[in-house]
Each structure stands twice: as C-alpha cells, then as structure tokens.
Amino acid sequence: MKFKPATINEKKFQELMLYIASRSADDQKFGATKLNKILFYADFQAYLSLGKSITGAEYQRLGNGPAPRELKSLEADLIEKKFAILQEEPVYTLLKV
C-alpha cells in the first residue's frame, strides 16, 4: 500500500487563515510564526480527533516551528483579491544591560 498525501483544500485553508487573523486582531504578538503554529495545531488536533486534517495542508519544519508549504502562495492570493491586508509593524525588544 502506497502512502498518498492529502490534497490541500485551498478554500478551507484560506478561510481558516482569515478566521485566525480576525480572532487575533487585538493580539500585539500575532504574526507569521503564531499564525503558522495555530494552523498546525488546528490541523493536527483535527487529525487526532477526526482522522483527517481541516485543510489537508502539508507542513514543513522551519527554525521557529512548523509552517504550511502553501502558505505564501495562498496568502498572496488573498491579498491580491483584497480579502486580506498584510500589516507589517516593527517589534521592539528592550535589552537589559
């Protein structure tokens, strides 16, 4: 028996991204890393409970945690269609000397 990876459901993936972003709008620490981790947790928790993930996304290992391989292209699609706006805000860290 061959392993067949799940096919991503792009619409569900984008809807989940928008839902997470809208729920995290007031979180000053929300950013790409946190989005990736929430997506990963939601998909794998669904897999544990239901036997299949929500989005069917394939995740890759990055330095700050797992990230969906398709994230950048689907994020760009949402921005292009004006469903989302990417806001970049500087984060300052105070150093103790």
N, C-alpha and C. Protein backbone atom coordinates (compact mmCIF):
# COMPACT_ATOMS: atom_id res chain seq x y z
N MET A 1 0.84 -1.18 0.00
CA MET A 1 0.00 0.00 0.00
C MET A 1 0.89 1.24 0.00
N LYS A 2 0.64 2.16 -0.92
CA LYS A 2 1.41 3.39 -1.01
C LYS A 2 0.73 4.49 -0.21
N PHE A 3 1.57 5.32 0.38
CA PHE A 3 1.06 6.48 1.11
C PHE A 3 0.72 7.57 0.12
N LYS A 4 -0.50 8.06 0.17
CA LYS A 4 -0.93 9.15 -0.70
C LYS A 4 -1.19 10.38 0.16
N PRO A 5 -0.36 11.43 -0.02
CA PRO A 5 -0.57 12.64 0.79
C PRO A 5 -1.92 13.29 0.49
N ALA A 6 -2.46 13.93 1.50
CA ALA A 6 -3.74 14.63 1.32
C ALA A 6 -3.56 15.81 0.38
N THR A 7 -4.60 16.14 -0.32
CA THR A 7 -4.61 17.30 -1.20
C THR A 7 -5.18 18.48 -0.41
N ILE A 8 -4.50 19.60 -0.52
CA ILE A 8 -4.94 20.77 0.23
C ILE A 8 -6.27 21.30 -0.31
N ASN A 9 -7.13 21.66 0.61
CA ASN A 9 -8.37 22.33 0.27
C ASN A 9 -8.09 23.83 0.41
N GLU A 10 -7.76 24.47 -0.70
CA GLU A 10 -7.32 25.87 -0.68
C GLU A 10 -8.35 26.80 -0.06
N LYS A 11 -9.62 26.57 -0.37
CA LYS A 11 -10.66 27.45 0.16
C LYS A 11 -10.74 27.34 1.69
N LYS A 12 -10.73 26.12 2.21
CA LYS A 12 -10.77 25.94 3.66
C LYS A 12 -9.52 26.52 4.31
N PHE A 13 -8.38 26.33 3.66
CA PHE A 13 -7.13 26.86 4.20
C PHE A 13 -7.19 28.38 4.31
N GLN A 14 -7.63 29.03 3.24
CA GLN A 14 -7.72 30.49 3.25
C GLN A 14 -8.75 30.98 4.25
N GLU A 15 -9.88 30.30 4.36
CA GLU A 15 -10.90 30.68 5.33
C GLU A 15 -10.37 30.54 6.76
N LEU A 16 -9.61 29.48 7.01
CA LEU A 16 -9.03 29.28 8.33
C LEU A 16 -8.00 30.37 8.63
N MET A 17 -7.19 30.73 7.64
CA MET A 17 -6.22 31.82 7.83
C MET A 17 -6.93 33.12 8.19
N LEU A 18 -7.99 33.46 7.45
CA LEU A 18 -8.73 34.69 7.71
C LEU A 18 -9.41 34.66 9.08
N TYR A 19 -9.95 33.50 9.45
CA TYR A 19 -10.59 33.36 10.76
C TYR A 19 -9.59 33.59 11.89
N ILE A 20 -8.43 32.93 11.79
CA ILE A 20 -7.40 33.08 12.82
C ILE A 20 -6.93 34.52 12.89
N ALA A 21 -6.69 35.13 11.75
CA ALA A 21 -6.22 36.53 11.72
C ALA A 21 -7.26 37.47 12.33
N SER A 22 -8.53 37.25 12.02
CA SER A 22 -9.57 38.13 12.57
C SER A 22 -9.70 37.95 14.08
N ARG A 23 -9.57 36.74 14.57
CA ARG A 23 -9.66 36.48 16.00
C ARG A 23 -8.42 36.99 16.76
N SER A 24 -7.32 37.18 16.03
CA SER A 24 -6.07 37.61 16.64
C SER A 24 -5.77 39.09 16.38
N ALA A 25 -6.74 39.82 15.89
CA ALA A 25 -6.53 41.22 15.51
C ALA A 25 -6.03 42.08 16.66
N ASP A 26 -6.44 41.79 17.87
CA ASP A 26 -6.04 42.60 19.03
C ASP A 26 -4.78 42.07 19.72
N ASP A 27 -4.25 40.97 19.24
CA ASP A 27 -3.06 40.36 19.83
C ASP A 27 -1.81 41.03 19.26
N GLN A 28 -1.12 41.80 20.06
CA GLN A 28 0.07 42.52 19.59
C GLN A 28 1.21 41.58 19.23
N LYS A 29 1.19 40.36 19.73
CA LYS A 29 2.25 39.39 19.44
C LYS A 29 1.89 38.47 18.28
N PHE A 30 0.76 38.74 17.63
CA PHE A 30 0.35 37.89 16.50
C PHE A 30 1.17 38.25 15.27
N GLY A 31 1.67 37.22 14.61
CA GLY A 31 2.45 37.41 13.41
C GLY A 31 2.53 36.09 12.64
N ALA A 32 3.44 36.02 11.70
CA ALA A 32 3.56 34.86 10.83
C ALA A 32 3.83 33.57 11.62
N THR A 33 4.74 33.65 12.59
CA THR A 33 5.08 32.45 13.36
C THR A 33 3.89 31.94 14.14
N LYS A 34 3.17 32.84 14.77
CA LYS A 34 2.00 32.45 15.56
C LYS A 34 0.90 31.89 14.65
N LEU A 35 0.70 32.50 13.50
CA LEU A 35 -0.28 32.00 12.53
C LEU A 35 0.08 30.58 12.11
N ASN A 36 1.35 30.36 11.78
CA ASN A 36 1.80 29.02 11.38
C ASN A 36 1.54 27.98 12.46
N LYS A 37 1.83 28.34 13.70
CA LYS A 37 1.66 27.40 14.80
C LYS A 37 0.18 27.10 15.07
N ILE A 38 -0.66 28.11 14.96
CA ILE A 38 -2.10 27.89 15.16
C ILE A 38 -2.67 27.02 14.05
N LEU A 39 -2.27 27.28 12.80
CA LEU A 39 -2.71 26.44 11.68
C LEU A 39 -2.29 24.98 11.89
N PHE A 40 -1.03 24.79 12.28
CA PHE A 40 -0.51 23.45 12.54
C PHE A 40 -1.30 22.76 13.64
N TYR A 41 -1.49 23.46 14.76
CA TYR A 41 -2.21 22.88 15.88
C TYR A 41 -3.65 22.52 15.50
N ALA A 42 -4.33 23.40 14.78
CA ALA A 42 -5.72 23.14 14.38
C ALA A 42 -5.79 21.92 13.47
N ASP A 43 -4.90 21.84 12.48
CA ASP A 43 -4.90 20.70 11.56
C ASP A 43 -4.60 19.39 12.27
N PHE A 44 -3.59 19.39 13.12
CA PHE A 44 -3.20 18.14 13.77
C PHE A 44 -4.13 17.75 14.90
N GLN A 45 -4.75 18.71 15.54
CA GLN A 45 -5.76 18.37 16.55
C GLN A 45 -6.98 17.74 15.86
N ALA A 46 -7.36 18.29 14.71
CA ALA A 46 -8.47 17.71 13.94
C ALA A 46 -8.10 16.31 13.47
N TYR A 47 -6.86 16.11 13.07
CA TYR A 47 -6.42 14.78 12.62
C TYR A 47 -6.51 13.77 13.76
N LEU A 48 -6.11 14.19 14.96
CA LEU A 48 -6.21 13.30 16.12
C LEU A 48 -7.66 12.96 16.45
N SER A 49 -8.53 13.95 16.37
CA SER A 49 -9.93 13.76 16.74
C SER A 49 -10.77 13.11 15.64
N LEU A 50 -10.55 13.55 14.39
CA LEU A 50 -11.43 13.15 13.29
C LEU A 50 -10.80 12.17 12.31
N GLY A 51 -9.48 12.03 12.38
CA GLY A 51 -8.79 11.15 11.44
C GLY A 51 -8.39 11.84 10.15
N LYS A 52 -8.66 13.13 10.04
CA LYS A 52 -8.22 13.91 8.88
C LYS A 52 -8.06 15.36 9.29
N SER A 53 -7.16 16.06 8.59
CA SER A 53 -6.93 17.47 8.95
C SER A 53 -8.03 18.34 8.37
N ILE A 54 -8.08 19.57 8.81
CA ILE A 54 -9.09 20.52 8.32
C ILE A 54 -8.77 20.93 6.88
N THR A 55 -7.50 21.27 6.64
CA THR A 55 -7.13 21.86 5.36
C THR A 55 -6.45 20.91 4.39
N GLY A 56 -5.84 19.85 4.89
CA GLY A 56 -5.08 18.95 4.03
C GLY A 56 -3.71 19.51 3.67
N ALA A 57 -3.29 20.57 4.34
CA ALA A 57 -2.01 21.20 4.05
C ALA A 57 -0.86 20.30 4.46
N GLU A 58 0.25 20.43 3.74
CA GLU A 58 1.48 19.73 4.08
C GLU A 58 2.36 20.73 4.82
N TYR A 59 2.89 20.31 5.96
CA TYR A 59 3.71 21.19 6.80
C TYR A 59 5.19 20.88 6.65
N GLN A 60 5.99 21.93 6.78
CA GLN A 60 7.43 21.77 6.72
C GLN A 60 8.05 22.28 8.02
N ARG A 61 9.20 21.77 8.33
CA ARG A 61 9.89 22.17 9.55
C ARG A 61 10.75 23.40 9.27
N LEU A 62 10.51 24.46 10.04
CA LEU A 62 11.30 25.68 9.93
C LEU A 62 11.93 25.98 11.29
N GLY A 63 12.81 26.95 11.33
CA GLY A 63 13.51 27.30 12.56
C GLY A 63 12.61 27.69 13.72
N ASN A 64 11.51 28.38 13.45
CA ASN A 64 10.60 28.82 14.51
C ASN A 64 9.38 27.93 14.67
N GLY A 65 9.38 26.77 14.03
CA GLY A 65 8.26 25.85 14.15
C GLY A 65 7.72 25.46 12.80
N PRO A 66 6.68 24.62 12.79
CA PRO A 66 6.12 24.13 11.53
C PRO A 66 5.39 25.23 10.76
N ALA A 67 5.41 25.08 9.43
CA ALA A 67 4.70 26.04 8.58
C ALA A 67 4.14 25.31 7.37
N PRO A 68 2.95 25.69 6.94
CA PRO A 68 2.36 25.07 5.75
C PRO A 68 3.17 25.46 4.51
N ARG A 69 3.43 24.50 3.65
CA ARG A 69 4.20 24.77 2.43
C ARG A 69 3.47 25.76 1.51
N GLU A 70 2.17 25.73 1.49
CA GLU A 70 1.37 26.53 0.57
C GLU A 70 1.03 27.91 1.10
N LEU A 71 1.49 28.24 2.30
CA LEU A 71 1.08 29.48 2.97
C LEU A 71 1.32 30.72 2.12
N LYS A 72 2.53 30.90 1.63
CA LYS A 72 2.89 32.14 0.91
C LYS A 72 2.03 32.36 -0.33
N SER A 73 1.83 31.31 -1.12
CA SER A 73 1.05 31.49 -2.36
C SER A 73 -0.42 31.76 -2.06
N LEU A 74 -0.98 31.08 -1.05
CA LEU A 74 -2.39 31.30 -0.72
C LEU A 74 -2.59 32.64 -0.01
N GLU A 75 -1.60 33.06 0.76
CA GLU A 75 -1.63 34.39 1.39
C GLU A 75 -1.59 35.48 0.31
N ALA A 76 -0.71 35.31 -0.66
CA ALA A 76 -0.60 36.28 -1.76
C ALA A 76 -1.91 36.36 -2.55
N ASP A 77 -2.58 35.23 -2.72
CA ASP A 77 -3.86 35.20 -3.43
C ASP A 77 -4.91 36.00 -2.66
N LEU A 78 -4.96 35.84 -1.33
CA LEU A 78 -5.91 36.59 -0.51
C LEU A 78 -5.65 38.09 -0.60
N ILE A 79 -4.38 38.48 -0.59
CA ILE A 79 -4.02 39.89 -0.67
C ILE A 79 -4.36 40.45 -2.05
N GLU A 80 -4.06 39.69 -3.09
CA GLU A 80 -4.35 40.13 -4.46
C GLU A 80 -5.85 40.33 -4.68
N LYS A 81 -6.67 39.45 -4.10
CA LYS A 81 -8.12 39.55 -4.25
C LYS A 81 -8.74 40.53 -3.25
N LYS A 82 -7.88 41.18 -2.46
CA LYS A 82 -8.30 42.19 -1.48
C LYS A 82 -9.17 41.62 -0.35
N PHE A 83 -8.98 40.33 -0.03
CA PHE A 83 -9.66 39.72 1.12
C PHE A 83 -8.84 39.94 2.39
N ALA A 84 -7.55 40.26 2.22
CA ALA A 84 -6.66 40.44 3.36
C ALA A 84 -5.66 41.55 3.06
N ILE A 85 -5.15 42.11 4.13
CA ILE A 85 -4.10 43.13 4.04
C ILE A 85 -2.97 42.66 4.94
N LEU A 86 -1.77 42.68 4.43
CA LEU A 86 -0.61 42.31 5.23
C LEU A 86 -0.08 43.56 5.91
N GLN A 87 -0.14 43.56 7.24
CA GLN A 87 0.32 44.70 8.02
C GLN A 87 1.65 44.35 8.66
N GLU A 88 2.65 45.14 8.38
CA GLU A 88 3.96 44.92 9.00
C GLU A 88 4.19 46.01 10.01
N GLU A 89 4.40 45.60 11.24
CA GLU A 89 4.63 46.55 12.32
C GLU A 89 5.93 46.18 13.01
N PRO A 90 6.75 47.17 13.33
CA PRO A 90 8.02 46.88 14.00
C PRO A 90 7.77 46.38 15.42
N VAL A 91 8.60 45.47 15.84
CA VAL A 91 8.55 44.94 17.20
C VAL A 91 9.85 45.32 17.87
N TYR A 92 9.75 45.93 19.02
CA TYR A 92 10.93 46.38 19.75
C TYR A 92 11.15 45.50 20.96
N THR A 93 12.40 45.17 21.19
CA THR A 93 12.77 44.41 22.36
C THR A 93 13.72 45.24 23.20
N LEU A 94 13.42 45.36 24.45
CA LEU A 94 14.31 46.09 25.35
C LEU A 94 15.42 45.16 25.82
N LEU A 95 16.63 45.62 25.70
CA LEU A 95 17.77 44.83 26.15
C LEU A 95 18.18 45.27 27.54
N LYS A 96 18.43 44.30 28.40
CA LYS A 96 18.91 44.62 29.76
C LYS A 96 20.42 44.62 29.73
N VAL A 97 20.99 45.69 30.22
CA VAL A 97 22.46 45.81 30.24
C VAL A 97 23.01 45.69 31.62
